[in-house]
Amino acid sequence: MGQNCSVRDLGLQDCLGGPVGSKTGGSRGGSLFDPLNPTGHYVLNLADKFDCNILERLKELDRMDEASGIDNFLNVVHEGKRVPFTGEGNEPVKDQAADIQEWKVPAGGLVTFDYVSGKRVPKDARAQRDEVFQSLKRELSNPALSEGHRLLMLRTSAITHYWNASQVRQLVALITYQRRVDAAIMLFRRCVDPVKYIGEDLHRGEGVYGMLKPAERKALRLRLGEAITKTLPEAERALDSELEILTSRGITKPKPPEPEPAAEGEGAEDPMAGVVFLTEEGAEGEVAQSTGAQGAAAEGVAAGGATELVAPSAEMRSGKQLR
């Protein structure tokens, strides 16, 4: 920052904006990695030592962040294929890591993921002074800047500054539709009033989350995970299916075990067994009885009116004819 509260000398020449990492086979010109504000999207070349160091540093931050209770690594993809995890507390799966800490990192290839810090904004954090903020806005509004350079300026400024929700909203609005989610994620842990970041009235488009379109909101939820969904209204959380949430975490929901087929002849009780049907008098004046399939046939005849069935009396059950 200059002496007159202006933004200058950010060193943007030959730098790439957007995801953190080399992006192309070992180039060191990727976006800045800030361990104090690591939340963002990463594209790392596992064949590059510099990128591998970033991954190891993030894994260290993940171990230090267990108390937050959220998944820090989301949407992990290696060479275009999603990396599966069993997830904590689930049954182990052969050749599948429980989480990023157990994942055997390949020796090469591109890995992409979203990292979300569980570290909240310090209570003594103060929003950027208005005169400095206005200067930053003027710099970001320069039409000569690409979207990548604007994001890099935001990342650079976020190393030492915090903003209130209104300021974050104005900064995100300076980024085009395709990259607004990246800016909103980058500034998520630099907002001093997280409740207003969401917005009290989403129908009126309040807050940072509220200003986004439905597709952008969905991307924000799936890339920030529980860090943001815990603070959202139930109606917003219900917009994401369980499968989408598990997929963002790399967890494949285990299929329920199929019921074992019953052994032949077991558990297949004949509903007609033991049922006694009373039919016409026999030739010798004795009462004829039938069971099972014969009884069913007799019942069908009775339904047709050919024979009237009556409840058997004690004398009938003894085989005697009623006179």
C-alpha atoms as a PDB file:
ATOM      1  CA  MET A   1       0.000   0.000   0.000  1.00  0.00           C
ATOM      2  CA  GLY A   2       1.274   3.435  -0.826  1.00  0.00           C
ATOM      3  CA  GLN A   3       1.579   6.270   1.625  1.00  0.00           C
ATOM      4  CA  ASN A   4      -1.601   7.834   0.286  1.00  0.00           C
ATOM      5  CA  CYS A   5      -3.681   4.700   0.879  1.00  0.00           C
ATOM      6  CA  SER A   6      -3.384   3.558  -2.738  1.00  0.00           C
ATOM      7  CA  VAL A   7      -2.698   0.080  -4.028  1.00  0.00           C
ATOM      8  CA  ARG A   8       0.490  -0.231  -6.043  1.00  0.00           C
ATOM      9  CA  ASP A   9       3.441  -2.454  -6.905  1.00  0.00           C
ATOM     10  CA  LEU A  10       1.623  -5.737  -6.477  1.00  0.00           C
ATOM     11  CA  GLY A  11       4.025  -7.468  -8.850  1.00  0.00           C
ATOM     12  CA  LEU A  12       1.456  -8.909 -11.256  1.00  0.00           C
ATOM     13  CA  GLN A  13       3.720  -9.219 -14.266  1.00  0.00           C
ATOM     14  CA  ASP A  14       4.148 -12.809 -15.524  1.00  0.00           C
ATOM     15  CA  CYS A  15       1.904 -14.166 -12.775  1.00  0.00           C
ATOM     16  CA  LEU A  16      -1.103 -16.388 -13.223  1.00  0.00           C
ATOM     17  CA  GLY A  17      -4.348 -15.897 -11.385  1.00  0.00           C
ATOM     18  CA  GLY A  18      -6.949 -18.401 -10.320  1.00  0.00           C
ATOM     19  CA  PRO A  19      -6.166 -21.818  -8.833  1.00  0.00           C
ATOM     20  CA  VAL A  20      -3.090 -22.178  -6.671  1.00  0.00           C
ATOM     21  CA  GLY A  21      -0.330 -24.318  -8.152  1.00  0.00           C
ATOM     22  CA  SER A  22       1.827 -24.672 -11.221  1.00  0.00           C
ATOM     23  CA  LYS A  23      -1.072 -25.645 -13.543  1.00  0.00           C
ATOM     24  CA  THR A  24       1.430 -26.640 -16.264  1.00  0.00           C
ATOM     25  CA  GLY A  25       4.267 -29.106 -15.739  1.00  0.00           C
ATOM     26  CA  GLY A  26       6.355 -27.409 -13.099  1.00  0.00           C
ATOM     27  CA  SER A  27       6.048 -23.677 -13.824  1.00  0.00           C
ATOM     28  CA  ARG A  28       6.437 -21.663 -10.630  1.00  0.00           C
ATOM     29  CA  GLY A  29       4.224 -18.845 -11.837  1.00  0.00           C
ATOM     30  CA  GLY A  30       1.028 -20.029 -10.152  1.00  0.00           C
ATOM     31  CA  SER A  31      -1.136 -18.063  -7.777  1.00  0.00           C
ATOM     32  CA  LEU A  32       0.051 -17.227  -4.294  1.00  0.00           C
ATOM     33  CA  PHE A  33      -0.176 -19.800  -1.534  1.00  0.00           C
ATOM     34  CA  ASP A  34      -1.083 -18.187   1.769  1.00  0.00           C
ATOM     35  CA  PRO A  35      -0.980 -20.607   4.733  1.00  0.00           C
ATOM     36  CA  LEU A  36      -2.942 -18.047   6.786  1.00  0.00           C
ATOM     37  CA  ASN A  37      -5.759 -18.055   4.233  1.00  0.00           C
ATOM     38  CA  PRO A  38      -5.470 -21.380   2.377  1.00  0.00           C
ATOM     39  CA  THR A  39      -9.162 -21.626   1.409  1.00  0.00           C
ATOM     40  CA  GLY A  40      -9.413 -21.898  -2.361  1.00  0.00           C
ATOM     41  CA  HIS A  41      -9.054 -24.105  -5.423  1.00  0.00           C
ATOM     42  CA  TYR A  42      -5.802 -25.905  -6.164  1.00  0.00           C
ATOM     43  CA  VAL A  43      -4.291 -27.434  -9.306  1.00  0.00           C
ATOM     44  CA  LEU A  44      -1.025 -29.163  -8.410  1.00  0.00           C
ATOM     45  CA  ASN A  45       1.477 -31.047 -10.539  1.00  0.00           C
ATOM     46  CA  LEU A  46       2.630 -34.000  -8.421  1.00  0.00           C
ATOM     47  CA  ALA A  47       5.810 -34.273 -10.488  1.00  0.00           C
ATOM     48  CA  ASP A  48       6.811 -30.783  -9.373  1.00  0.00           C
ATOM     49  CA  LYS A  49       8.558 -30.443  -6.012  1.00  0.00           C
ATOM     50  CA  PHE A  50       7.155 -26.982  -5.347  1.00  0.00           C
ATOM     51  CA  ASP A  51       3.578 -28.178  -5.842  1.00  0.00           C
ATOM     52  CA  CYS A  52       4.199 -31.268  -3.717  1.00  0.00           C
ATOM     53  CA  ASN A  53       5.383 -29.009  -0.909  1.00  0.00           C
ATOM     54  CA  ILE A  54       2.094 -27.091  -1.116  1.00  0.00           C
ATOM     55  CA  LEU A  55       0.152 -30.349  -0.826  1.00  0.00           C
ATOM     56  CA  GLU A  56       2.191 -31.456   2.191  1.00  0.00           C
ATOM     57  CA  ARG A  57       1.692 -28.066   3.830  1.00  0.00           C
ATOM     58  CA  LEU A  58      -2.065 -28.327   3.323  1.00  0.00           C
ATOM     59  CA  LYS A  59      -2.096 -31.849   4.765  1.00  0.00           C
ATOM     60  CA  GLU A  60      -0.295 -30.475   7.803  1.00  0.00           C
ATOM     61  CA  LEU A  61      -2.916 -27.732   8.166  1.00  0.00           C
ATOM     62  CA  ASP A  62      -5.600 -30.406   7.816  1.00  0.00           C
ATOM     63  CA  ARG A  63      -4.103 -32.377  10.727  1.00  0.00           C
ATOM     64  CA  MET A  64      -3.986 -29.228  12.845  1.00  0.00           C
ATOM     65  CA  ASP A  65      -7.623 -28.462  12.014  1.00  0.00           C
ATOM     66  CA  GLU A  66      -9.273 -31.645  13.333  1.00  0.00           C
ATOM     67  CA  ALA A  67     -11.126 -29.713  16.041  1.00  0.00           C
ATOM     68  CA  SER A  68     -13.268 -27.936  13.434  1.00  0.00           C
ATOM     69  CA  GLY A  69     -14.998 -31.215  12.538  1.00  0.00           C
ATOM     70  CA  ILE A  70     -15.263 -30.400   8.814  1.00  0.00           C
ATOM     71  CA  ASP A  71     -13.701 -31.963   5.722  1.00  0.00           C
ATOM     72  CA  ASN A  72     -10.908 -29.642   4.637  1.00  0.00           C
ATOM     73  CA  PHE A  73     -10.174 -31.412   1.332  1.00  0.00           C
ATOM     74  CA  LEU A  74     -13.126 -31.554  -1.066  1.00  0.00           C
ATOM     75  CA  ASN A  75     -13.576 -32.615  -4.703  1.00  0.00           C
ATOM     76  CA  VAL A  76     -10.187 -34.332  -4.942  1.00  0.00           C
ATOM     77  CA  VAL A  77      -9.504 -35.416  -8.535  1.00  0.00           C
ATOM     78  CA  HIS A  78      -6.328 -37.025  -9.900  1.00  0.00           C
ATOM     79  CA  GLU A  79      -5.820 -37.142 -13.650  1.00  0.00           C
ATOM     80  CA  GLY A  80      -9.513 -36.560 -14.281  1.00  0.00           C
ATOM     81  CA  LYS A  81     -10.702 -39.317 -11.915  1.00  0.00           C
ATOM     82  CA  ARG A  82     -12.250 -38.595  -8.542  1.00  0.00           C
ATOM     83  CA  VAL A  83     -10.184 -39.946  -5.655  1.00  0.00           C
ATOM     84  CA  PRO A  84     -12.457 -42.139  -3.496  1.00  0.00           C
ATOM     85  CA  PHE A  85     -12.330 -42.115   0.296  1.00  0.00           C
ATOM     86  CA  THR A  86     -14.206 -44.363   2.703  1.00  0.00           C
ATOM     87  CA  GLY A  87     -14.722 -41.551   5.184  1.00  0.00           C
ATOM     88  CA  GLU A  88     -14.286 -41.579   8.941  1.00  0.00           C
ATOM     89  CA  GLY A  89     -16.325 -44.195  10.785  1.00  0.00           C
ATOM     90  CA  ASN A  90     -17.290 -46.178   7.672  1.00  0.00           C
ATOM     91  CA  GLU A  91     -16.311 -49.740   6.920  1.00  0.00           C
ATOM     92  CA  PRO A  92     -12.809 -49.998   5.381  1.00  0.00           C
ATOM     93  CA  VAL A  93     -12.559 -50.753   1.668  1.00  0.00           C
ATOM     94  CA  LYS A  94      -9.655 -52.625   0.128  1.00  0.00           C
ATOM     95  CA  ASP A  95      -7.112 -50.377  -1.632  1.00  0.00           C
ATOM     96  CA  GLN A  96      -9.079 -47.254  -0.622  1.00  0.00           C
ATOM     97  CA  ALA A  97      -7.861 -44.588   1.810  1.00  0.00           C
ATOM     98  CA  ALA A  98     -10.062 -43.324   4.614  1.00  0.00           C
ATOM     99  CA  ASP A  99      -9.107 -39.699   3.915  1.00  0.00           C
ATOM    100  CA  ILE A 100      -6.440 -37.482   2.350  1.00  0.00           C
ATOM    101  CA  GLN A 101      -3.978 -38.302   5.128  1.00  0.00           C
ATOM    102  CA  GLU A 102      -3.993 -41.999   4.213  1.00  0.00           C
ATOM    103  CA  TRP A 103      -4.007 -41.416   0.462  1.00  0.00           C
ATOM    104  CA  LYS A 104      -0.872 -42.711  -1.227  1.00  0.00           C
ATOM    105  CA  VAL A 105       0.124 -39.684  -3.299  1.00  0.00           C
ATOM    106  CA  PRO A 106       1.092 -40.700  -6.865  1.00  0.00           C
ATOM    107  CA  ALA A 107       4.491 -39.742  -8.220  1.00  0.00           C
ATOM    108  CA  GLY A 108       3.014 -37.668 -11.023  1.00  0.00           C
ATOM    109  CA  GLY A 109      -0.084 -36.290 -12.682  1.00  0.00           C
ATOM    110  CA  LEU A 110      -2.308 -33.314 -11.950  1.00  0.00           C
ATOM    111  CA  VAL A 111      -4.402 -33.277  -8.801  1.00  0.00           C
ATOM    112  CA  THR A 112      -7.163 -30.721  -8.305  1.00  0.00           C
ATOM    113  CA  PHE A 113      -9.179 -30.046  -5.167  1.00  0.00           C
ATOM    114  CA  ASP A 114     -10.843 -27.424  -3.005  1.00  0.00           C
ATOM    115  CA  TYR A 115      -9.353 -26.717   0.411  1.00  0.00           C
ATOM    116  CA  VAL A 116     -11.477 -25.161   3.156  1.00  0.00           C
ATOM    117  CA  SER A 117      -9.888 -23.862   6.324  1.00  0.00           C
ATOM    118  CA  GLY A 118     -11.778 -24.495   9.542  1.00  0.00           C
ATOM    119  CA  LYS A 119     -10.033 -21.581  11.226  1.00  0.00           C
ATOM    120  CA  ARG A 120     -12.503 -18.797  11.922  1.00  0.00           C
ATOM    121  CA  VAL A 121     -11.826 -15.081  11.569  1.00  0.00           C
ATOM    122  CA  PRO A 122     -10.061 -13.714  14.681  1.00  0.00           C
ATOM    123  CA  LYS A 123     -12.343 -11.805  17.030  1.00  0.00           C
ATOM    124  CA  ASP A 124     -10.081  -8.751  16.907  1.00  0.00           C
ATOM    125  CA  ALA A 125     -10.038  -8.632  13.081  1.00  0.00           C
ATOM    126  CA  ARG A 126     -11.139  -5.292  11.651  1.00  0.00           C
ATOM    127  CA  ALA A 127     -12.505  -4.540   8.211  1.00  0.00           C
ATOM    128  CA  GLN A 128     -10.319  -2.650   5.768  1.00  0.00           C
ATOM    129  CA  ARG A 129     -10.490   1.120   6.158  1.00  0.00           C
ATOM    130  CA  ASP A 130     -12.836   2.713   3.660  1.00  0.00           C
ATOM    131  CA  GLU A 131     -10.209   4.890   1.954  1.00  0.00           C
ATOM    132  CA  VAL A 132      -7.967   1.853   1.375  1.00  0.00           C
ATOM    133  CA  PHE A 133     -10.942  -0.185   0.219  1.00  0.00           C
ATOM    134  CA  GLN A 134     -11.992   2.451  -2.323  1.00  0.00           C
ATOM    135  CA  SER A 135      -8.446   2.509  -3.701  1.00  0.00           C
ATOM    136  CA  LEU A 136      -8.480  -1.286  -4.063  1.00  0.00           C
ATOM    137  CA  LYS A 137     -11.809  -1.114  -5.896  1.00  0.00           C
ATOM    138  CA  ARG A 138     -10.419   1.435  -8.349  1.00  0.00           C
ATOM    139  CA  GLU A 139      -7.438  -0.791  -9.095  1.00  0.00           C
ATOM    140  CA  LEU A 140      -9.628  -3.851  -9.581  1.00  0.00           C
ATOM    141  CA  SER A 141     -11.930  -1.893 -11.904  1.00  0.00           C
ATOM    142  CA  ASN A 142      -9.087  -1.289 -14.367  1.00  0.00           C
ATOM    143  CA  PRO A 143     -10.435  -2.645 -17.691  1.00  0.00           C
ATOM    144  CA  ALA A 144      -6.908  -3.632 -18.750  1.00  0.00           C
ATOM    145  CA  LEU A 145      -6.784  -6.346 -16.058  1.00  0.00           C
ATOM    146  CA  SER A 146      -7.732  -9.929 -16.826  1.00  0.00           C
ATOM    147  CA  GLU A 147      -9.951 -11.892 -14.448  1.00  0.00           C
ATOM    148  CA  GLY A 148      -6.929 -13.914 -13.387  1.00  0.00           C
ATOM    149  CA  HIS A 149      -5.048 -10.763 -12.425  1.00  0.00           C
ATOM    150  CA  ARG A 150      -8.022  -9.443 -10.475  1.00  0.00           C
ATOM    151  CA  LEU A 151      -8.202 -12.669  -8.485  1.00  0.00           C
ATOM    152  CA  LEU A 152      -4.468 -12.508  -7.849  1.00  0.00           C
ATOM    153  CA  MET A 153      -4.850  -8.949  -6.532  1.00  0.00           C
ATOM    154  CA  LEU A 154      -7.593 -10.130  -4.193  1.00  0.00           C
ATOM    155  CA  ARG A 155      -5.450 -13.023  -2.978  1.00  0.00           C
ATOM    156  CA  THR A 156      -2.519 -10.671  -2.405  1.00  0.00           C
ATOM    157  CA  SER A 157      -4.602  -8.131  -0.522  1.00  0.00           C
ATOM    158  CA  ALA A 158      -6.218 -10.887   1.567  1.00  0.00           C
ATOM    159  CA  ILE A 159      -2.835 -11.786   3.055  1.00  0.00           C
ATOM    160  CA  THR A 160      -3.013  -8.791   5.374  1.00  0.00           C
ATOM    161  CA  HIS A 161      -6.582  -7.480   5.169  1.00  0.00           C
ATOM    162  CA  TYR A 162     -10.132  -8.368   6.208  1.00  0.00           C
ATOM    163  CA  TRP A 163     -13.419  -6.986   4.916  1.00  0.00           C
ATOM    164  CA  ASN A 164     -17.003  -6.702   6.107  1.00  0.00           C
ATOM    165  CA  ALA A 165     -19.791  -8.438   4.158  1.00  0.00           C
ATOM    166  CA  SER A 166     -20.732  -5.286   2.268  1.00  0.00           C
ATOM    167  CA  GLN A 167     -17.150  -4.811   1.097  1.00  0.00           C
ATOM    168  CA  VAL A 168     -16.799  -8.472   0.094  1.00  0.00           C
ATOM    169  CA  ARG A 169     -20.010  -8.187  -1.883  1.00  0.00           C
ATOM    170  CA  GLN A 170     -18.642  -5.185  -3.793  1.00  0.00           C
ATOM    171  CA  LEU A 171     -15.353  -6.961  -4.522  1.00  0.00           C
ATOM    172  CA  VAL A 172     -17.086 -10.105  -5.797  1.00  0.00           C
ATOM    173  CA  ALA A 173     -19.311  -7.945  -8.014  1.00  0.00           C
ATOM    174  CA  LEU A 174     -16.184  -6.726  -9.840  1.00  0.00           C
ATOM    175  CA  ILE A 175     -15.486 -10.260 -11.066  1.00  0.00           C
ATOM    176  CA  THR A 176     -17.316 -11.697 -14.057  1.00  0.00           C
ATOM    177  CA  TYR A 177     -20.003 -14.366 -13.675  1.00  0.00           C
ATOM    178  CA  GLN A 178     -17.688 -17.266 -14.570  1.00  0.00           C
ATOM    179  CA  ARG A 179     -15.216 -16.509 -11.776  1.00  0.00           C
ATOM    180  CA  ARG A 180     -17.371 -14.946  -9.031  1.00  0.00           C
ATOM    181  CA  VAL A 181     -17.507 -18.207  -7.071  1.00  0.00           C
ATOM    182  CA  ASP A 182     -13.685 -18.305  -6.952  1.00  0.00           C
ATOM    183  CA  ALA A 183     -13.645 -14.793  -5.478  1.00  0.00           C
ATOM    184  CA  ALA A 184     -16.420 -15.583  -2.977  1.00  0.00           C
ATOM    185  CA  ILE A 185     -14.538 -18.688  -1.779  1.00  0.00           C
ATOM    186  CA  MET A 186     -11.228 -16.862  -1.567  1.00  0.00           C
ATOM    187  CA  LEU A 187     -12.740 -14.173   0.684  1.00  0.00           C
ATOM    188  CA  PHE A 188     -14.939 -16.507   2.748  1.00  0.00           C
ATOM    189  CA  ARG A 189     -12.516 -16.668   5.695  1.00  0.00           C
ATOM    190  CA  ARG A 190     -11.601 -12.973   5.401  1.00  0.00           C
ATOM    191  CA  CYS A 191     -15.093 -11.651   6.159  1.00  0.00           C
ATOM    192  CA  VAL A 192     -15.434 -10.228   9.678  1.00  0.00           C
ATOM    193  CA  ASP A 193     -19.227 -10.768   9.820  1.00  0.00           C
ATOM    194  CA  PRO A 194     -19.926 -14.282   8.469  1.00  0.00           C
ATOM    195  CA  VAL A 195     -23.657 -14.099   9.247  1.00  0.00           C
ATOM    196  CA  LYS A 196     -24.054 -11.165   6.878  1.00  0.00           C
ATOM    197  CA  TYR A 197     -21.887 -13.008   4.336  1.00  0.00           C
ATOM    198  CA  ILE A 198     -24.840 -15.373   3.929  1.00  0.00           C
ATOM    199  CA  GLY A 199     -27.503 -12.646   4.002  1.00  0.00           C
ATOM    200  CA  GLU A 200     -30.556 -12.364   6.228  1.00  0.00           C
ATOM    201  CA  ASP A 201     -33.063 -12.304   3.336  1.00  0.00           C
ATOM    202  CA  LEU A 202     -31.899 -14.483   0.451  1.00  0.00           C
ATOM    203  CA  HIS A 203     -35.035 -13.772  -1.572  1.00  0.00           C
ATOM    204  CA  ARG A 204     -33.951 -10.130  -1.746  1.00  0.00           C
ATOM    205  CA  GLY A 205     -30.407 -11.094  -2.718  1.00  0.00           C
ATOM    206  CA  GLU A 206     -28.779  -9.842   0.461  1.00  0.00           C
ATOM    207  CA  GLY A 207     -25.251 -10.780   1.470  1.00  0.00           C
ATOM    208  CA  VAL A 208     -22.528 -12.367  -0.647  1.00  0.00           C
ATOM    209  CA  TYR A 209     -24.237 -15.747  -0.890  1.00  0.00           C
ATOM    210  CA  GLY A 210     -27.554 -14.095  -1.666  1.00  0.00           C
ATOM    211  CA  MET A 211     -26.158 -12.124  -4.614  1.00  0.00           C
ATOM    212  CA  LEU A 212     -25.145 -15.286  -6.459  1.00  0.00           C
ATOM    213  CA  LYS A 213     -27.267 -17.122  -9.004  1.00  0.00           C
ATOM    214  CA  PRO A 214     -28.661 -20.573  -8.093  1.00  0.00           C
ATOM    215  CA  ALA A 215     -25.920 -22.418 -10.013  1.00  0.00           C
ATOM    216  CA  GLU A 216     -23.246 -20.325  -8.282  1.00  0.00           C
ATOM    217  CA  ARG A 217     -24.794 -20.955  -4.865  1.00  0.00           C
ATOM    218  CA  LYS A 218     -24.736 -24.687  -5.502  1.00  0.00           C
ATOM    219  CA  ALA A 219     -21.071 -24.552  -6.532  1.00  0.00           C
ATOM    220  CA  LEU A 220     -20.286 -22.551  -3.401  1.00  0.00           C
ATOM    221  CA  ARG A 221     -22.036 -25.097  -1.144  1.00  0.00           C
ATOM    222  CA  LEU A 222     -20.302 -28.098  -2.697  1.00  0.00           C
ATOM    223  CA  ARG A 223     -16.879 -26.425  -2.677  1.00  0.00           C
ATOM    224  CA  LEU A 224     -17.054 -25.059   0.877  1.00  0.00           C
ATOM    225  CA  GLY A 225     -18.967 -27.991   2.342  1.00  0.00           C
ATOM    226  CA  GLU A 226     -19.996 -27.912   5.977  1.00  0.00           C
ATOM    227  CA  ALA A 227     -18.010 -24.728   6.552  1.00  0.00           C
ATOM    228  CA  ILE A 228     -20.924 -22.861   4.962  1.00  0.00           C
ATOM    229  CA  THR A 229     -23.870 -25.284   4.927  1.00  0.00           C
ATOM    230  CA  LYS A 230     -24.043 -25.346   8.732  1.00  0.00           C
ATOM    231  CA  THR A 231     -24.983 -21.667   8.647  1.00  0.00           C
ATOM    232  CA  LEU A 232     -27.510 -21.879   5.791  1.00  0.00           C
ATOM    233  CA  PRO A 233     -31.301 -22.104   6.127  1.00  0.00           C
ATOM    234  CA  GLU A 234     -32.732 -25.607   5.894  1.00  0.00           C
ATOM    235  CA  ALA A 235     -34.354 -24.798   2.546  1.00  0.00           C
ATOM    236  CA  GLU A 236     -30.940 -24.071   1.019  1.00  0.00           C
ATOM    237  CA  ARG A 237     -29.302 -27.166   2.482  1.00  0.00           C
ATOM    238  CA  ALA A 238     -32.099 -29.323   1.090  1.00  0.00           C
ATOM    239  CA  LEU A 239     -31.177 -28.287  -2.473  1.00  0.00           C
ATOM    240  CA  ASP A 240     -28.212 -30.680  -2.480  1.00  0.00           C
ATOM    241  CA  SER A 241     -28.838 -34.412  -2.578  1.00  0.00           C
ATOM    242  CA  GLU A 242     -27.015 -36.816  -0.282  1.00  0.00           C
ATOM    243  CA  LEU A 243     -25.234 -38.259  -3.321  1.00  0.00           C
ATOM    244  CA  GLU A 244     -23.924 -34.823  -4.363  1.00  0.00           C
ATOM    245  CA  ILE A 245     -22.642 -34.122  -0.859  1.00  0.00           C
ATOM    246  CA  LEU A 246     -20.949 -37.516  -0.538  1.00  0.00           C
ATOM    247  CA  THR A 247     -19.455 -37.147  -4.019  1.00  0.00           C
ATOM    248  CA  SER A 248     -17.900 -33.785  -3.108  1.00  0.00           C
ATOM    249  CA  ARG A 249     -16.262 -35.528  -0.142  1.00  0.00           C
ATOM    250  CA  GLY A 250     -15.084 -38.390  -2.336  1.00  0.00           C
ATOM    251  CA  ILE A 251     -17.209 -40.893  -0.415  1.00  0.00           C
ATOM    252  CA  THR A 252     -19.101 -43.606  -2.229  1.00  0.00           C
ATOM    253  CA  LYS A 253     -22.160 -44.547  -0.235  1.00  0.00           C
ATOM    254  CA  PRO A 254     -21.957 -48.275   0.539  1.00  0.00           C
ATOM    255  CA  LYS A 255     -24.763 -50.372  -0.888  1.00  0.00           C
ATOM    256  CA  PRO A 256     -27.018 -52.019   1.692  1.00  0.00           C
ATOM    257  CA  PRO A 257     -26.503 -55.798   1.913  1.00  0.00           C
ATOM    258  CA  GLU A 258     -28.950 -57.812  -0.135  1.00  0.00           C
ATOM    259  CA  PRO A 259     -31.235 -60.122   1.874  1.00  0.00           C
ATOM    260  CA  GLU A 260     -30.251 -63.788   1.736  1.00  0.00           C
ATOM    261  CA  PRO A 261     -32.758 -65.948  -0.197  1.00  0.00           C
ATOM    262  CA  ALA A 262     -34.760 -68.344   1.990  1.00  0.00           C
ATOM    263  CA  ALA A 263     -33.944 -72.053   1.619  1.00  0.00           C
ATOM    264  CA  GLU A 264     -36.364 -73.989  -0.563  1.00  0.00           C
ATOM    265  CA  GLY A 265     -39.272 -75.298   1.483  1.00  0.00           C
ATOM    266  CA  GLU A 266     -38.480 -73.025   4.441  1.00  0.00           C
ATOM    267  CA  GLY A 267     -40.633 -70.093   5.424  1.00  0.00           C
ATOM    268  CA  ALA A 268     -43.123 -70.821   2.644  1.00  0.00           C
ATOM    269  CA  GLU A 269     -46.118 -71.764   4.750  1.00  0.00           C
ATOM    270  CA  ASP A 270     -49.236 -72.658   2.786  1.00  0.00           C
ATOM    271  CA  PRO A 271     -51.900 -70.151   3.817  1.00  0.00           C
ATOM    272  CA  MET A 272     -54.567 -72.786   3.142  1.00  0.00           C
ATOM    273  CA  ALA A 273     -52.928 -75.463   5.269  1.00  0.00           C
ATOM    274  CA  GLY A 274     -55.030 -76.638   8.188  1.00  0.00           C
ATOM    275  CA  VAL A 275     -58.215 -75.022   6.851  1.00  0.00           C
ATOM    276  CA  VAL A 276     -61.150 -77.445   6.816  1.00  0.00           C
ATOM    277  CA  PHE A 277     -63.942 -76.969   4.335  1.00  0.00           C
ATOM    278  CA  LEU A 278     -67.405 -78.543   4.752  1.00  0.00           C
ATOM    279  CA  THR A 279     -68.948 -79.888   1.531  1.00  0.00           C
ATOM    280  CA  GLU A 280     -72.095 -81.812   0.468  1.00  0.00           C
ATOM    281  CA  GLU A 281     -73.248 -85.009   2.111  1.00  0.00           C
ATOM    282  CA  GLY A 282     -71.568 -88.127   0.908  1.00  0.00           C
ATOM    283  CA  ALA A 283     -73.332 -91.098  -0.523  1.00  0.00           C
ATOM    284  CA  GLU A 284     -73.212 -92.901   2.810  1.00  0.00           C
ATOM    285  CA  GLY A 285     -74.613 -89.908   4.701  1.00  0.00           C
ATOM    286  CA  GLU A 286     -71.162 -88.911   6.029  1.00  0.00           C
ATOM    287  CA  VAL A 287     -69.746 -85.451   5.857  1.00  0.00           C
ATOM    288  CA  ALA A 288     -66.922 -85.090   3.273  1.00  0.00           C
ATOM    289  CA  GLN A 289     -63.981 -82.870   4.181  1.00  0.00           C
ATOM    290  CA  SER A 290     -61.167 -81.428   2.099  1.00  0.00           C
ATOM    291  CA  THR A 291     -58.068 -79.417   2.808  1.00  0.00           C
ATOM    292  CA  GLY A 292     -55.466 -77.361   0.958  1.00  0.00           C
ATOM    293  CA  ALA A 293     -55.973 -77.078  -2.796  1.00  0.00           C
ATOM    294  CA  GLN A 294     -59.175 -79.093  -2.686  1.00  0.00           C
ATOM    295  CA  GLY A 295     -60.545 -76.677  -0.116  1.00  0.00           C
ATOM    296  CA  ALA A 296     -59.690 -73.772  -2.334  1.00  0.00           C
ATOM    297  CA  ALA A 297     -61.599 -75.390  -5.183  1.00  0.00           C
ATOM    298  CA  ALA A 298     -64.546 -75.987  -2.883  1.00  0.00           C
ATOM    299  CA  GLU A 299     -64.454 -72.362  -1.851  1.00  0.00           C
ATOM    300  CA  GLY A 300     -64.587 -71.321  -5.471  1.00  0.00           C
ATOM    301  CA  VAL A 301     -67.613 -73.523  -6.040  1.00  0.00           C
ATOM    302  CA  ALA A 302     -69.322 -72.043  -3.004  1.00  0.00           C
ATOM    303  CA  ALA A 303     -68.713 -68.579  -4.346  1.00  0.00           C
ATOM    304  CA  GLY A 304     -70.595 -69.625  -7.447  1.00  0.00           C
ATOM    305  CA  GLY A 305     -73.632 -70.674  -5.404  1.00  0.00           C
ATOM    306  CA  ALA A 306     -73.377 -74.430  -6.137  1.00  0.00           C
ATOM    307  CA  THR A 307     -72.882 -75.396  -2.519  1.00  0.00           C
ATOM    308  CA  GLU A 308     -73.679 -73.566   0.676  1.00  0.00           C
ATOM    309  CA  LEU A 309     -70.956 -73.788   3.294  1.00  0.00           C
ATOM    310  CA  VAL A 310     -71.967 -73.774   6.942  1.00  0.00           C
ATOM    311  CA  ALA A 311     -69.855 -73.716  10.063  1.00  0.00           C
ATOM    312  CA  PRO A 312     -69.282 -77.281  11.332  1.00  0.00           C
ATOM    313  CA  SER A 313     -70.945 -78.225  14.616  1.00  0.00           C
ATOM    314  CA  ALA A 314     -69.457 -80.549  17.207  1.00  0.00           C
ATOM    315  CA  GLU A 315     -71.446 -83.469  15.812  1.00  0.00           C
ATOM    316  CA  MET A 316     -70.241 -82.698  12.278  1.00  0.00           C
ATOM    317  CA  ARG A 317     -66.637 -82.651  13.416  1.00  0.00           C
ATOM    318  CA  SER A 318     -67.226 -86.133  14.892  1.00  0.00           C
ATOM    319  CA  GLY A 319     -68.323 -87.373  11.447  1.00  0.00           C
ATOM    320  CA  LYS A 320     -72.021 -87.802  12.198  1.00  0.00           C
ATOM    321  CA  GLN A 321     -74.763 -86.654   9.876  1.00  0.00           C
ATOM    322  CA  LEU A 322     -77.280 -84.121  11.074  1.00  0.00           C
ATOM    323  CA  ARG A 323     -80.869 -85.237  10.684  1.00  0.00           C
END
